[in-house]
Structures are given as C-alpha cells and as structure tokens.
Amino acid sequence: MNRNTRVEMLTRLRDDNPTPTTELNFSTPFELLIAVLLSAQATDVGVNKATDKLYPVANTPQAILDLGLDGLKSYIKTIGLFNTKAQNTIKTCQMLVDLHGGEVPENRAALEALPGVGRKTANVVLNTAFGWLKDNEGNYFLAVDTHIQRLANRTGYAKGKTVEQTEQAIIKNTPNKKEFMFNLHHWFILHGRYTCTARKPKCGSCIIEDLCDFKEKTE
C-alpha cells in the first residue's frame, strides 16, 4: 500500500465517520481509565453494563476505595477476569489518591505505573479523555489492540508482528498526521470490530475493499 492509497483509505473512513469516539461510556478521565482497565478480554457492551451501575454509586478513586474490594466485585462480577481487575482497580485508586491527589495524571509514564494499566490503556486515556495527539517529545498516543493490529496488517496499511511494532509502523506510515492521527485509533478499531472482523470479514460491504491488500477477500 502506497501513500496515496493510505490517504484515500483514511479519507473514506473519515467521511464515513467524521467524529468517532470510544464505545465505552464515560464522563470523566477517571471513568474512562477504569472502563478501559476493565475492558481487557471483555466487550465494551459488557463493561458498560457494569459501569452504568457502578459509576452512579462510585466514580472517583476515593469512592471506589470506600466500596472496598468485595463491594467493587459485586458490580463488575459479570466481566471476565473480574477478580484480578478488581484488585488492580483498588490498587490503582489507592495510588491515584496517594500520589496524584485523586486525579488521573496526563502523563504516559505515570499512567503506565498504575496496576493493570498498560501502554494501550494509557494511550486511550491521553488521546480520548484528554485530547492529546502526542507528547512534548513528539511521541504519538496511538492505542493499538487486536482489531487495529489485524486491520493494519490485513489491509497492508502497516505491518507488525506485535502490537508495539504495529503501533510504530502505523505512526510511520500515516500521511498528513495532523489531519488523520487523532481519530485513526477509533476509525480502525470500529472498522475492525464491525466490518473487517477476524473470521468472516464483510469485504462485500467494506468501503475500502478496493484499496485493501487482503488476498482472501469474501464476497
């Protein structure tokens, strides 16, 4: 895939969805942080069902600490790996209270230091909750998950064997970064989630089918 094809691909995705955003329900950076932490190996729909009940009761670090571990589990027990996620959430809330005055830090290193928060979660929070495109050193906040990795590699947009390799390849290959980079994460994840699916991609109804390098297209 060459530069002109990438521009056309991004332009079509943008025209189809000019203002994309996450499908996780949130109203504050903290709510998004916890929602993304809970979303690992779980669906956004499942996370939303849990947080829609949790957040009216506890949507700050101290409020979740006041719930306690067992209290938190009662709200998120429908989510996969809820025991580990509950423990990480409590630890994260304690660190936010102790180290950051109960606020979510706008810093990738500080976010990644929180239990259960990895590079992807940090990038989502910085990009989606705080509106950051990149840091002061020019490092872009691009969250890559399995949907994005599959889409990038399958279409030929960017190649990478690991999530981080794919992240760097996408950043390198994306033209007109000021125009496209901020929303690229959402365009790719939504297209990968609903159209370029893992087992049965909907190539026949795909708006970028003619631009894609995937050799095993479906009808």
Protein backbone atom coordinates (compact mmCIF):
# COMPACT_ATOMS: atom_id res chain seq x y z
CA MET A 1 0.00 0.00 0.00
CA ASN A 2 1.45 3.35 -1.03
CA ARG A 3 0.99 6.83 0.41
CA ASN A 4 -1.82 7.85 -1.93
CA THR A 5 -3.76 4.70 -1.13
CA ARG A 6 -3.37 5.32 2.60
CA VAL A 7 -4.65 8.87 2.17
CA GLU A 8 -7.68 7.58 0.27
CA MET A 9 -8.30 4.88 2.90
CA LEU A 10 -8.21 7.36 5.76
CA THR A 11 -10.30 9.89 3.84
CA ARG A 12 -13.06 7.32 3.26
CA LEU A 13 -13.05 6.23 6.89
CA ARG A 14 -13.22 9.88 7.98
CA ASP A 15 -16.03 10.73 5.57
CA ASP A 16 -17.98 7.73 6.84
CA ASN A 17 -17.44 8.69 10.49
CA PRO A 18 -16.21 12.28 10.91
CA THR A 19 -16.30 12.37 14.72
CA PRO A 20 -15.60 8.87 16.05
CA THR A 21 -15.17 8.10 19.72
CA THR A 22 -14.94 5.17 22.08
CA GLU A 23 -17.98 2.96 22.67
CA LEU A 24 -17.18 2.84 26.38
CA ASN A 25 -19.46 5.04 28.47
CA PHE A 26 -17.61 7.72 30.46
CA SER A 27 -17.93 11.31 31.57
CA THR A 28 -14.54 11.90 33.26
CA PRO A 29 -10.95 10.79 32.63
CA PHE A 30 -11.17 8.55 35.69
CA GLU A 31 -14.29 6.82 34.42
CA LEU A 32 -12.60 6.15 31.09
CA LEU A 33 -9.44 4.90 32.80
CA ILE A 34 -11.37 2.34 34.84
CA ALA A 35 -13.56 1.35 31.89
CA VAL A 36 -10.53 0.64 29.71
CA LEU A 37 -8.85 -1.24 32.56
CA LEU A 38 -11.95 -3.42 32.85
CA SER A 39 -12.26 -3.92 29.09
CA ALA A 40 -9.25 -6.24 28.65
CA GLN A 41 -10.56 -9.51 27.18
CA ALA A 42 -14.11 -8.20 27.57
CA THR A 43 -16.58 -6.42 25.32
CA ASP A 44 -17.39 -2.73 25.58
CA VAL A 45 -21.05 -3.67 25.90
CA GLY A 46 -20.29 -5.88 28.90
CA VAL A 47 -18.15 -3.22 30.54
CA ASN A 48 -20.83 -0.57 30.00
CA LYS A 49 -23.47 -2.75 31.66
CA ALA A 50 -21.26 -2.96 34.75
CA THR A 51 -20.08 0.65 34.89
CA ASP A 52 -23.59 2.01 34.24
CA LYS A 53 -24.44 0.57 37.67
CA LEU A 54 -21.08 1.26 39.32
CA TYR A 55 -20.50 4.90 38.39
CA PRO A 56 -23.71 6.36 39.85
CA VAL A 57 -22.55 4.87 43.17
CA ALA A 58 -18.78 5.34 42.89
CA ASN A 59 -16.99 7.25 40.13
CA THR A 60 -13.94 8.65 41.94
CA PRO A 61 -10.87 6.88 43.31
CA GLN A 62 -11.90 7.51 46.92
CA ALA A 63 -15.47 6.40 46.35
CA ILE A 64 -14.30 3.09 44.89
CA LEU A 65 -11.88 2.65 47.79
CA ASP A 66 -14.81 3.24 50.13
CA LEU A 67 -16.70 0.42 48.38
CA GLY A 68 -13.87 -1.96 49.21
CA LEU A 69 -12.72 -4.95 47.20
CA ASP A 70 -15.80 -7.08 47.75
CA GLY A 71 -18.11 -4.16 47.13
CA LEU A 72 -16.40 -3.41 43.82
CA LYS A 73 -16.55 -7.06 42.79
CA SER A 74 -20.30 -7.08 43.24
CA TYR A 75 -20.59 -4.50 40.45
CA ILE A 76 -18.08 -6.00 37.99
CA LYS A 77 -18.55 -9.74 38.56
CA THR A 78 -20.12 -10.15 35.12
CA ILE A 79 -16.84 -9.07 33.45
CA GLY A 80 -14.18 -11.62 32.61
CA LEU A 81 -11.19 -11.79 34.98
CA PHE A 82 -13.14 -9.62 37.43
CA ASN A 83 -11.16 -10.78 40.49
CA THR A 84 -7.84 -9.59 39.10
CA LYS A 85 -9.39 -6.46 37.63
CA ALA A 86 -10.98 -5.59 40.96
CA GLN A 87 -7.65 -5.94 42.74
CA ASN A 88 -5.90 -3.77 40.14
CA THR A 89 -8.67 -1.17 40.29
CA ILE A 90 -8.39 -0.87 44.06
CA LYS A 91 -4.59 -0.58 43.86
CA THR A 92 -4.87 1.99 41.07
CA CYS A 93 -7.37 4.06 43.05
CA GLN A 94 -5.09 3.98 46.08
CA MET A 95 -2.14 5.21 44.00
CA LEU A 96 -4.24 7.96 42.46
CA VAL A 97 -5.23 9.15 45.92
CA ASP A 98 -1.75 8.83 47.43
CA LEU A 99 0.33 10.13 44.52
CA HIS A 100 -1.92 12.28 42.34
CA GLY A 101 -4.45 13.91 44.63
CA GLY A 102 -7.21 11.65 43.34
CA GLU A 103 -6.77 12.91 39.77
CA VAL A 104 -5.76 10.98 36.65
CA PRO A 105 -2.29 12.13 35.54
CA GLU A 106 -1.81 13.44 31.99
CA ASN A 107 1.45 11.55 31.63
CA ARG A 108 2.05 8.20 29.96
CA ALA A 109 4.76 7.03 32.36
CA ALA A 110 2.62 7.88 35.39
CA LEU A 111 -0.37 6.12 33.88
CA GLU A 112 1.61 3.01 32.99
CA ALA A 113 2.84 2.84 36.61
CA LEU A 114 -0.74 2.16 37.73
CA PRO A 115 -1.62 -1.52 38.31
CA GLY A 116 -3.45 -3.03 35.35
CA VAL A 117 -2.73 -0.02 33.13
CA GLY A 118 -0.52 -0.74 30.15
CA ARG A 119 0.58 1.27 27.14
CA LYS A 120 -2.71 0.80 25.28
CA THR A 121 -4.83 1.99 28.20
CA ALA A 122 -2.56 4.98 28.80
CA ASN A 123 -2.76 5.97 25.13
CA VAL A 124 -6.56 5.69 25.10
CA VAL A 125 -6.90 7.90 28.17
CA LEU A 126 -4.46 10.53 26.90
CA ASN A 127 -6.00 10.61 23.42
CA THR A 128 -9.70 10.23 24.19
CA ALA A 129 -10.14 11.71 27.67
CA PHE A 130 -7.55 14.49 27.49
CA GLY A 131 -7.48 15.13 23.74
CA TRP A 132 -3.73 14.69 23.33
CA LEU A 133 -2.30 13.81 19.90
CA LYS A 134 1.31 13.49 21.06
CA ASP A 135 3.59 14.44 23.95
CA ASN A 136 6.13 17.24 24.10
CA GLU A 137 8.78 14.94 22.66
CA GLY A 138 6.68 14.16 19.61
CA ASN A 139 5.57 10.66 20.65
CA TYR A 140 2.06 9.94 19.41
CA PHE A 141 -0.62 8.49 21.67
CA LEU A 142 -1.92 5.69 19.46
CA ALA A 143 -3.60 2.77 21.19
CA VAL A 144 -3.38 -0.50 19.24
CA ASP A 145 -5.48 -3.52 20.14
CA THR A 146 -6.13 -6.79 18.33
CA HIS A 147 -8.71 -5.21 15.99
CA ILE A 148 -6.31 -2.48 14.92
CA GLN A 149 -3.38 -4.85 14.59
CA ARG A 150 -5.45 -7.17 12.39
CA LEU A 151 -6.79 -4.35 10.22
CA ALA A 152 -3.40 -2.70 9.72
CA ASN A 153 -1.67 -5.95 8.78
CA ARG A 154 -4.51 -7.40 6.72
CA THR A 155 -5.04 -4.31 4.59
CA GLY A 156 -1.32 -3.71 4.15
CA TYR A 157 -1.55 -0.29 5.82
CA ALA A 158 1.21 -1.23 8.30
CA LYS A 159 2.98 -4.44 9.20
CA GLY A 160 3.99 -5.59 12.67
CA LYS A 161 4.18 -8.92 14.46
CA THR A 162 3.50 -7.38 17.85
CA VAL A 163 1.15 -4.64 18.99
CA GLU A 164 4.03 -2.23 19.61
CA GLN A 165 5.60 -2.99 16.20
CA THR A 166 2.25 -2.34 14.56
CA GLU A 167 1.83 0.88 16.55
CA GLN A 168 5.16 2.21 15.35
CA ALA A 169 4.51 1.08 11.77
CA ILE A 170 1.13 2.84 11.71
CA ILE A 171 2.66 6.05 13.03
CA LYS A 172 5.47 5.85 10.47
CA ASN A 173 3.15 5.12 7.54
CA THR A 174 0.36 7.58 8.32
CA PRO A 175 0.45 10.61 5.99
CA ASN A 176 -0.83 14.06 6.95
CA LYS A 177 -0.61 13.23 10.65
CA LYS A 178 -2.23 16.48 11.82
CA GLU A 179 -5.23 15.61 9.70
CA PHE A 180 -5.60 11.90 10.42
CA MET A 181 -3.72 10.70 13.51
CA PHE A 182 -6.03 11.95 16.24
CA ASN A 183 -9.01 9.84 15.12
CA LEU A 184 -7.16 6.96 13.47
CA HIS A 185 -7.46 4.72 16.54
CA HIS A 186 -11.25 4.97 16.53
CA TRP A 187 -11.62 4.58 12.76
CA PHE A 188 -9.50 1.43 12.76
CA ILE A 189 -10.98 -0.18 15.86
CA LEU A 190 -14.57 0.37 14.75
CA HIS A 191 -13.86 -0.86 11.22
CA GLY A 192 -12.06 -3.89 12.61
CA ARG A 193 -14.82 -4.59 15.12
CA TYR A 194 -17.78 -4.39 12.73
CA THR A 195 -16.52 -4.83 9.15
CA CYS A 196 -13.01 -6.28 8.97
CA THR A 197 -13.82 -8.97 11.50
CA ALA A 198 -11.42 -11.77 12.33
CA ARG A 199 -13.18 -14.85 10.96
CA LYS A 200 -15.62 -13.51 8.38
CA PRO A 201 -14.66 -10.05 7.17
CA LYS A 202 -17.53 -8.27 5.41
CA CYS A 203 -15.50 -7.42 2.33
CA GLY A 204 -18.54 -7.01 0.09
CA SER A 205 -19.85 -4.12 2.17
CA CYS A 206 -16.44 -2.61 3.03
CA ILE A 207 -15.85 0.98 1.93
CA ILE A 208 -12.13 0.35 1.49
CA GLU A 209 -12.29 -3.10 -0.14
CA ASP A 210 -10.71 -1.92 -3.41
CA LEU A 211 -7.79 -0.38 -1.50
CA CYS A 212 -7.06 -3.41 0.66
CA ASP A 213 -4.23 -5.90 0.02
CA PHE A 214 -6.06 -8.81 1.69
CA LYS A 215 -5.86 -11.74 -0.74
CA GLU A 216 -8.65 -13.83 0.79
CA LYS A 217 -11.49 -11.37 0.34
CA THR A 218 -15.02 -12.59 0.90
CA GLU A 219 -17.91 -11.77 -1.41
